Amino acid sequence: MNLPNLLSLFRILAVPIFLVLIVPRDFFTVETDLAMAWCRGAAMVLVILVTVTDWLDGYIARAWKLVTPAGKLLDPLADKIFVTAALVALVRVEMIPVWAAVVVISREFLVTGLRGVAVEYGRVIEADRLGKHKTGWQLALIITAMVLLTVRDIARTHGVWDTPLRSDYGADTVWFVLIWIPLTVTILLTVASGAKYVIEHHDLLRLK
């Protein structure tokens, strides 16, 4: 297995670690807000590492001419597994609405299904530029959510979240805007990317 594929494998293996860090109370006892803030901060760092490896494996594969059929499948698969797990976790902590996660995850199932059918015909559907932009914004959304969660937990630790941040400085409004900007862009790119794949590979959907 070459280096780009190992980096893709790292993103898959990062999923259970991320889940434990973002919702630690589902797995063990977390008694203080400070401990929760540390967990969320670690989850944020892990997402950043995943984002870096997402870019790095593609760059290395192209620069070192290590592009392989396995890599073409493993790279987008790793993205889908990590993003799907992260979105479910963000719904769990009430950072994004359920419908948004359903839209994104449904698109991933659709494209994965198309890739599976394409393999039967000896074709490989690679991740295109629009799909890469979509993944980039999905990761930006997850990073933004993790930053907000960490800041909130730290503010609670110091007793300043409800007062003065929420009562005097409109923290709830700022929170809403900061999460909905990347969420809106993510949804638009997700729908556009899914539609593009269906249009370009509609012949795979013919019923015979």
C-alpha atoms as a PDB file:
ATOM      1  CA  MET A   1       0.000   0.000   0.000  1.00  0.00           C
ATOM      2  CA  ASN A   2       1.492   3.347  -1.031  1.00  0.00           C
ATOM      3  CA  LEU A   3       1.619   6.558   1.039  1.00  0.00           C
ATOM      4  CA  PRO A   4      -1.504   8.242  -0.412  1.00  0.00           C
ATOM      5  CA  ASN A   5      -3.570   5.146   0.329  1.00  0.00           C
ATOM      6  CA  LEU A   6      -2.146   5.011   3.869  1.00  0.00           C
ATOM      7  CA  LEU A   7      -3.247   8.608   4.400  1.00  0.00           C
ATOM      8  CA  SER A   8      -6.735   7.689   3.204  1.00  0.00           C
ATOM      9  CA  LEU A   9      -6.712   4.751   5.611  1.00  0.00           C
ATOM     10  CA  PHE A  10      -5.725   7.142   8.415  1.00  0.00           C
ATOM     11  CA  ARG A  11      -8.894   9.181   7.780  1.00  0.00           C
ATOM     12  CA  ILE A  12     -10.988   6.045   8.151  1.00  0.00           C
ATOM     13  CA  LEU A  13      -9.237   4.988  11.359  1.00  0.00           C
ATOM     14  CA  ALA A  14      -9.679   8.515  12.726  1.00  0.00           C
ATOM     15  CA  VAL A  15     -13.479   8.097  12.778  1.00  0.00           C
ATOM     16  CA  PRO A  16     -13.879   6.176  16.073  1.00  0.00           C
ATOM     17  CA  ILE A  17     -11.350   8.452  17.804  1.00  0.00           C
ATOM     18  CA  PHE A  18     -13.239  11.530  16.619  1.00  0.00           C
ATOM     19  CA  LEU A  19     -16.554  10.134  17.847  1.00  0.00           C
ATOM     20  CA  VAL A  20     -15.154   9.442  21.312  1.00  0.00           C
ATOM     21  CA  LEU A  21     -13.736  12.967  21.507  1.00  0.00           C
ATOM     22  CA  ILE A  22     -16.792  14.869  20.303  1.00  0.00           C
ATOM     23  CA  VAL A  23     -19.328  12.979  22.447  1.00  0.00           C
ATOM     24  CA  PRO A  24     -17.139  11.590  25.256  1.00  0.00           C
ATOM     25  CA  ARG A  25     -20.053  11.258  27.686  1.00  0.00           C
ATOM     26  CA  ASP A  26     -21.510   8.575  25.417  1.00  0.00           C
ATOM     27  CA  PHE A  27     -18.439   6.456  26.173  1.00  0.00           C
ATOM     28  CA  PHE A  28     -17.156   7.398  29.636  1.00  0.00           C
ATOM     29  CA  THR A  29     -17.734   9.799  32.517  1.00  0.00           C
ATOM     30  CA  VAL A  30     -16.707  13.418  31.943  1.00  0.00           C
ATOM     31  CA  GLU A  31     -17.251  15.309  35.162  1.00  0.00           C
ATOM     32  CA  THR A  32     -16.188  18.867  34.298  1.00  0.00           C
ATOM     33  CA  ASP A  33     -16.701  21.380  31.499  1.00  0.00           C
ATOM     34  CA  LEU A  34     -12.922  21.771  31.315  1.00  0.00           C
ATOM     35  CA  ALA A  35     -12.498  18.074  30.511  1.00  0.00           C
ATOM     36  CA  MET A  36     -15.217  18.398  27.877  1.00  0.00           C
ATOM     37  CA  ALA A  37     -13.434  21.413  26.379  1.00  0.00           C
ATOM     38  CA  TRP A  38     -10.203  19.414  26.157  1.00  0.00           C
ATOM     39  CA  CYS A  39     -12.024  16.587  24.370  1.00  0.00           C
ATOM     40  CA  ARG A  40     -13.688  18.953  21.905  1.00  0.00           C
ATOM     41  CA  GLY A  41     -10.384  20.739  21.313  1.00  0.00           C
ATOM     42  CA  ALA A  42      -8.682  17.425  20.566  1.00  0.00           C
ATOM     43  CA  ALA A  43     -11.513  16.541  18.171  1.00  0.00           C
ATOM     44  CA  MET A  44     -10.984  19.879  16.417  1.00  0.00           C
ATOM     45  CA  VAL A  45      -7.259  19.168  15.995  1.00  0.00           C
ATOM     46  CA  LEU A  46      -8.077  15.725  14.614  1.00  0.00           C
ATOM     47  CA  VAL A  47     -10.437  17.228  12.030  1.00  0.00           C
ATOM     48  CA  ILE A  48      -7.693  19.614  10.946  1.00  0.00           C
ATOM     49  CA  LEU A  49      -5.297  16.660  10.541  1.00  0.00           C
ATOM     50  CA  VAL A  50      -7.916  14.825   8.485  1.00  0.00           C
ATOM     51  CA  THR A  51      -8.356  17.921   6.301  1.00  0.00           C
ATOM     52  CA  VAL A  52      -4.605  18.196   5.742  1.00  0.00           C
ATOM     53  CA  THR A  53      -4.278  14.518   4.824  1.00  0.00           C
ATOM     54  CA  ASP A  54      -7.241  14.835   2.451  1.00  0.00           C
ATOM     55  CA  TRP A  55      -5.285  17.439   0.492  1.00  0.00           C
ATOM     56  CA  LEU A  56      -1.917  15.766   0.987  1.00  0.00           C
ATOM     57  CA  ASP A  57      -2.802  12.314  -0.308  1.00  0.00           C
ATOM     58  CA  GLY A  58      -4.125  13.732  -3.569  1.00  0.00           C
ATOM     59  CA  TYR A  59      -1.085  15.980  -3.994  1.00  0.00           C
ATOM     60  CA  ILE A  60       1.383  13.162  -3.324  1.00  0.00           C
ATOM     61  CA  ALA A  61      -0.474  10.759  -5.599  1.00  0.00           C
ATOM     62  CA  ARG A  62      -0.308  13.224  -8.489  1.00  0.00           C
ATOM     63  CA  ALA A  63       3.207  14.549  -7.835  1.00  0.00           C
ATOM     64  CA  TRP A  64       4.793  11.132  -7.295  1.00  0.00           C
ATOM     65  CA  LYS A  65       2.640   9.416  -9.941  1.00  0.00           C
ATOM     66  CA  LEU A  66       1.134   7.068  -7.381  1.00  0.00           C
ATOM     67  CA  VAL A  67      -2.439   7.260  -8.680  1.00  0.00           C
ATOM     68  CA  THR A  68      -3.951   3.765  -8.590  1.00  0.00           C
ATOM     69  CA  PRO A  69      -7.468   2.356  -9.128  1.00  0.00           C
ATOM     70  CA  ALA A  70      -7.544   1.423  -5.434  1.00  0.00           C
ATOM     71  CA  GLY A  71      -6.611   4.969  -4.491  1.00  0.00           C
ATOM     72  CA  LYS A  72      -9.314   6.426  -6.729  1.00  0.00           C
ATOM     73  CA  LEU A  73     -11.872   4.446  -4.744  1.00  0.00           C
ATOM     74  CA  LEU A  74     -10.266   4.670  -1.289  1.00  0.00           C
ATOM     75  CA  ASP A  75      -9.788   8.461  -1.267  1.00  0.00           C
ATOM     76  CA  PRO A  76     -13.458   9.441  -1.767  1.00  0.00           C
ATOM     77  CA  LEU A  77     -14.567   6.514   0.417  1.00  0.00           C
ATOM     78  CA  ALA A  78     -12.447   7.793   3.309  1.00  0.00           C
ATOM     79  CA  ASP A  79     -13.950  11.266   2.882  1.00  0.00           C
ATOM     80  CA  LYS A  80     -17.481   9.885   2.919  1.00  0.00           C
ATOM     81  CA  ILE A  81     -16.969   7.723   6.007  1.00  0.00           C
ATOM     82  CA  PHE A  82     -15.412  10.529   8.028  1.00  0.00           C
ATOM     83  CA  VAL A  83     -17.861  13.230   6.925  1.00  0.00           C
ATOM     84  CA  THR A  84     -20.880  10.968   7.500  1.00  0.00           C
ATOM     85  CA  ALA A  85     -19.730  10.090  11.022  1.00  0.00           C
ATOM     86  CA  ALA A  86     -18.960  13.726  11.806  1.00  0.00           C
ATOM     87  CA  LEU A  87     -22.332  14.979  10.586  1.00  0.00           C
ATOM     88  CA  VAL A  88     -24.179  12.383  12.643  1.00  0.00           C
ATOM     89  CA  ALA A  89     -22.146  13.486  15.666  1.00  0.00           C
ATOM     90  CA  LEU A  90     -22.955  17.156  14.968  1.00  0.00           C
ATOM     91  CA  VAL A  91     -26.649  16.286  14.920  1.00  0.00           C
ATOM     92  CA  ARG A  92     -26.114  14.469  18.216  1.00  0.00           C
ATOM     93  CA  VAL A  93     -24.681  17.626  19.826  1.00  0.00           C
ATOM     94  CA  GLU A  94     -27.394  19.777  18.186  1.00  0.00           C
ATOM     95  CA  MET A  95     -25.040  21.802  16.002  1.00  0.00           C
ATOM     96  CA  ILE A  96     -26.804  21.111  12.697  1.00  0.00           C
ATOM     97  CA  PRO A  97     -30.369  20.049  11.852  1.00  0.00           C
ATOM     98  CA  VAL A  98     -31.184  16.455  11.003  1.00  0.00           C
ATOM     99  CA  TRP A  99     -32.428  17.312   7.500  1.00  0.00           C
ATOM    100  CA  ALA A 100     -29.055  18.836   6.560  1.00  0.00           C
ATOM    101  CA  ALA A 101     -27.218  15.666   7.548  1.00  0.00           C
ATOM    102  CA  VAL A 102     -29.751  13.555   5.636  1.00  0.00           C
ATOM    103  CA  VAL A 103     -29.226  15.615   2.455  1.00  0.00           C
ATOM    104  CA  VAL A 104     -25.450  15.265   2.600  1.00  0.00           C
ATOM    105  CA  ILE A 105     -25.452  11.585   3.538  1.00  0.00           C
ATOM    106  CA  SER A 106     -28.047  10.740   0.872  1.00  0.00           C
ATOM    107  CA  ARG A 107     -25.827  12.318  -1.769  1.00  0.00           C
ATOM    108  CA  GLU A 108     -22.896  10.221  -0.555  1.00  0.00           C
ATOM    109  CA  PHE A 109     -24.940   7.009  -0.781  1.00  0.00           C
ATOM    110  CA  LEU A 110     -26.071   7.978  -4.290  1.00  0.00           C
ATOM    111  CA  VAL A 111     -22.559   8.606  -5.594  1.00  0.00           C
ATOM    112  CA  THR A 112     -21.171   5.521  -3.844  1.00  0.00           C
ATOM    113  CA  GLY A 113     -23.918   3.482  -5.485  1.00  0.00           C
ATOM    114  CA  LEU A 114     -23.038   4.942  -8.888  1.00  0.00           C
ATOM    115  CA  ARG A 115     -19.405   4.039  -8.337  1.00  0.00           C
ATOM    116  CA  GLY A 116     -20.402   0.493  -7.428  1.00  0.00           C
ATOM    117  CA  VAL A 117     -22.460   0.130 -10.599  1.00  0.00           C
ATOM    118  CA  ALA A 118     -19.657   1.689 -12.655  1.00  0.00           C
ATOM    119  CA  VAL A 119     -17.226  -0.963 -11.411  1.00  0.00           C
ATOM    120  CA  GLU A 120     -19.526  -3.634 -12.857  1.00  0.00           C
ATOM    121  CA  TYR A 121     -19.021  -2.000 -16.254  1.00  0.00           C
ATOM    122  CA  GLY A 122     -15.267  -1.684 -15.825  1.00  0.00           C
ATOM    123  CA  ARG A 123     -15.423   2.057 -15.143  1.00  0.00           C
ATOM    124  CA  VAL A 124     -14.006   4.105 -12.278  1.00  0.00           C
ATOM    125  CA  ILE A 125     -15.807   7.318 -11.344  1.00  0.00           C
ATOM    126  CA  GLU A 126     -13.180   9.636  -9.930  1.00  0.00           C
ATOM    127  CA  ALA A 127     -13.814  12.527  -7.568  1.00  0.00           C
ATOM    128  CA  ASP A 128     -14.130  15.683  -9.684  1.00  0.00           C
ATOM    129  CA  ARG A 129     -13.298  19.294  -8.842  1.00  0.00           C
ATOM    130  CA  LEU A 130     -16.822  20.124  -7.693  1.00  0.00           C
ATOM    131  CA  GLY A 131     -16.808  17.077  -5.446  1.00  0.00           C
ATOM    132  CA  LYS A 132     -13.494  18.174  -3.946  1.00  0.00           C
ATOM    133  CA  HIS A 133     -14.897  21.645  -3.258  1.00  0.00           C
ATOM    134  CA  LYS A 134     -17.913  20.000  -1.642  1.00  0.00           C
ATOM    135  CA  THR A 135     -15.702  17.895   0.603  1.00  0.00           C
ATOM    136  CA  GLY A 136     -13.607  20.933   1.466  1.00  0.00           C
ATOM    137  CA  TRP A 137     -16.669  22.865   2.614  1.00  0.00           C
ATOM    138  CA  GLN A 138     -17.971  19.868   4.539  1.00  0.00           C
ATOM    139  CA  LEU A 139     -14.689  19.725   6.445  1.00  0.00           C
ATOM    140  CA  ALA A 140     -14.789  23.518   6.919  1.00  0.00           C
ATOM    141  CA  LEU A 141     -18.261  23.123   8.413  1.00  0.00           C
ATOM    142  CA  ILE A 142     -17.048  20.410  10.785  1.00  0.00           C
ATOM    143  CA  ILE A 143     -14.005  22.468  11.839  1.00  0.00           C
ATOM    144  CA  THR A 144     -16.202  25.538  12.426  1.00  0.00           C
ATOM    145  CA  ALA A 145     -18.580  23.486  14.556  1.00  0.00           C
ATOM    146  CA  MET A 146     -15.694  22.083  16.578  1.00  0.00           C
ATOM    147  CA  VAL A 147     -14.242  25.563  17.172  1.00  0.00           C
ATOM    148  CA  LEU A 148     -17.627  26.817  18.379  1.00  0.00           C
ATOM    149  CA  LEU A 149     -18.145  23.822  20.649  1.00  0.00           C
ATOM    150  CA  THR A 150     -14.680  24.244  22.141  1.00  0.00           C
ATOM    151  CA  VAL A 151     -15.162  27.989  22.701  1.00  0.00           C
ATOM    152  CA  ARG A 152     -18.534  27.376  24.336  1.00  0.00           C
ATOM    153  CA  ASP A 153     -17.124  24.737  26.664  1.00  0.00           C
ATOM    154  CA  ILE A 154     -14.205  26.961  27.632  1.00  0.00           C
ATOM    155  CA  ALA A 155     -16.594  29.876  28.242  1.00  0.00           C
ATOM    156  CA  ARG A 156     -18.739  27.654  30.445  1.00  0.00           C
ATOM    157  CA  THR A 157     -15.661  26.592  32.371  1.00  0.00           C
ATOM    158  CA  HIS A 158     -14.985  30.259  33.182  1.00  0.00           C
ATOM    159  CA  GLY A 159     -18.663  30.990  33.858  1.00  0.00           C
ATOM    160  CA  VAL A 160     -19.033  33.602  31.100  1.00  0.00           C
ATOM    161  CA  TRP A 161     -21.168  31.766  28.541  1.00  0.00           C
ATOM    162  CA  ASP A 162     -24.653  32.743  29.733  1.00  0.00           C
ATOM    163  CA  THR A 163     -23.455  36.085  31.114  1.00  0.00           C
ATOM    164  CA  PRO A 164     -22.131  38.164  29.479  1.00  0.00           C
ATOM    165  CA  LEU A 165     -21.609  36.342  26.148  1.00  0.00           C
ATOM    166  CA  ARG A 166     -25.235  35.302  25.564  1.00  0.00           C
ATOM    167  CA  SER A 167     -27.024  38.070  27.443  1.00  0.00           C
ATOM    168  CA  ASP A 168     -24.856  41.061  26.508  1.00  0.00           C
ATOM    169  CA  TYR A 169     -23.003  40.149  23.322  1.00  0.00           C
ATOM    170  CA  GLY A 170     -25.541  38.062  21.407  1.00  0.00           C
ATOM    171  CA  ALA A 171     -23.462  34.899  21.339  1.00  0.00           C
ATOM    172  CA  ASP A 172     -26.451  32.881  20.105  1.00  0.00           C
ATOM    173  CA  THR A 173     -26.808  35.093  17.017  1.00  0.00           C
ATOM    174  CA  VAL A 174     -23.088  34.970  16.271  1.00  0.00           C
ATOM    175  CA  TRP A 175     -23.176  31.185  16.747  1.00  0.00           C
ATOM    176  CA  PHE A 176     -26.105  30.870  14.321  1.00  0.00           C
ATOM    177  CA  VAL A 177     -24.443  32.951  11.590  1.00  0.00           C
ATOM    178  CA  LEU A 178     -21.057  31.263  11.894  1.00  0.00           C
ATOM    179  CA  ILE A 179     -22.527  27.767  11.579  1.00  0.00           C
ATOM    180  CA  TRP A 180     -25.122  28.506   8.900  1.00  0.00           C
ATOM    181  CA  ILE A 181     -22.759  30.146   6.404  1.00  0.00           C
ATOM    182  CA  PRO A 182     -20.625  27.011   5.850  1.00  0.00           C
ATOM    183  CA  LEU A 183     -23.702  24.799   6.258  1.00  0.00           C
ATOM    184  CA  THR A 184     -25.579  26.620   3.470  1.00  0.00           C
ATOM    185  CA  VAL A 185     -22.600  26.491   1.104  1.00  0.00           C
ATOM    186  CA  THR A 186     -22.099  22.810   1.930  1.00  0.00           C
ATOM    187  CA  ILE A 187     -25.731  21.953   1.154  1.00  0.00           C
ATOM    188  CA  LEU A 188     -25.662  23.855  -2.162  1.00  0.00           C
ATOM    189  CA  LEU A 189     -22.406  22.222  -3.285  1.00  0.00           C
ATOM    190  CA  THR A 190     -23.606  18.804  -2.136  1.00  0.00           C
ATOM    191  CA  VAL A 191     -26.802  19.025  -4.182  1.00  0.00           C
ATOM    192  CA  ALA A 192     -24.984  20.472  -7.216  1.00  0.00           C
ATOM    193  CA  SER A 193     -22.260  17.830  -7.072  1.00  0.00           C
ATOM    194  CA  GLY A 194     -24.765  14.990  -6.735  1.00  0.00           C
ATOM    195  CA  ALA A 195     -26.807  16.298  -9.657  1.00  0.00           C
ATOM    196  CA  LYS A 196     -23.652  16.584 -11.786  1.00  0.00           C
ATOM    197  CA  TYR A 197     -22.701  12.959 -11.127  1.00  0.00           C
ATOM    198  CA  VAL A 198     -26.221  11.764 -12.006  1.00  0.00           C
ATOM    199  CA  ILE A 199     -26.336  13.790 -15.233  1.00  0.00           C
ATOM    200  CA  GLU A 200     -22.869  12.696 -16.377  1.00  0.00           C
ATOM    201  CA  HIS A 201     -23.454   9.023 -15.546  1.00  0.00           C
ATOM    202  CA  HIS A 202     -27.189   8.705 -16.139  1.00  0.00           C
ATOM    203  CA  ASP A 203     -26.599   5.715 -18.387  1.00  0.00           C
ATOM    204  CA  LEU A 204     -25.704   3.695 -15.279  1.00  0.00           C
ATOM    205  CA  LEU A 205     -29.216   4.276 -13.914  1.00  0.00           C
ATOM    206  CA  ARG A 206     -31.049   2.725 -16.857  1.00  0.00           C
ATOM    207  CA  LEU A 207     -33.278  -0.116 -15.851  1.00  0.00           C
ATOM    208  CA  LYS A 208     -32.982  -3.184 -18.077  1.00  0.00           C
END
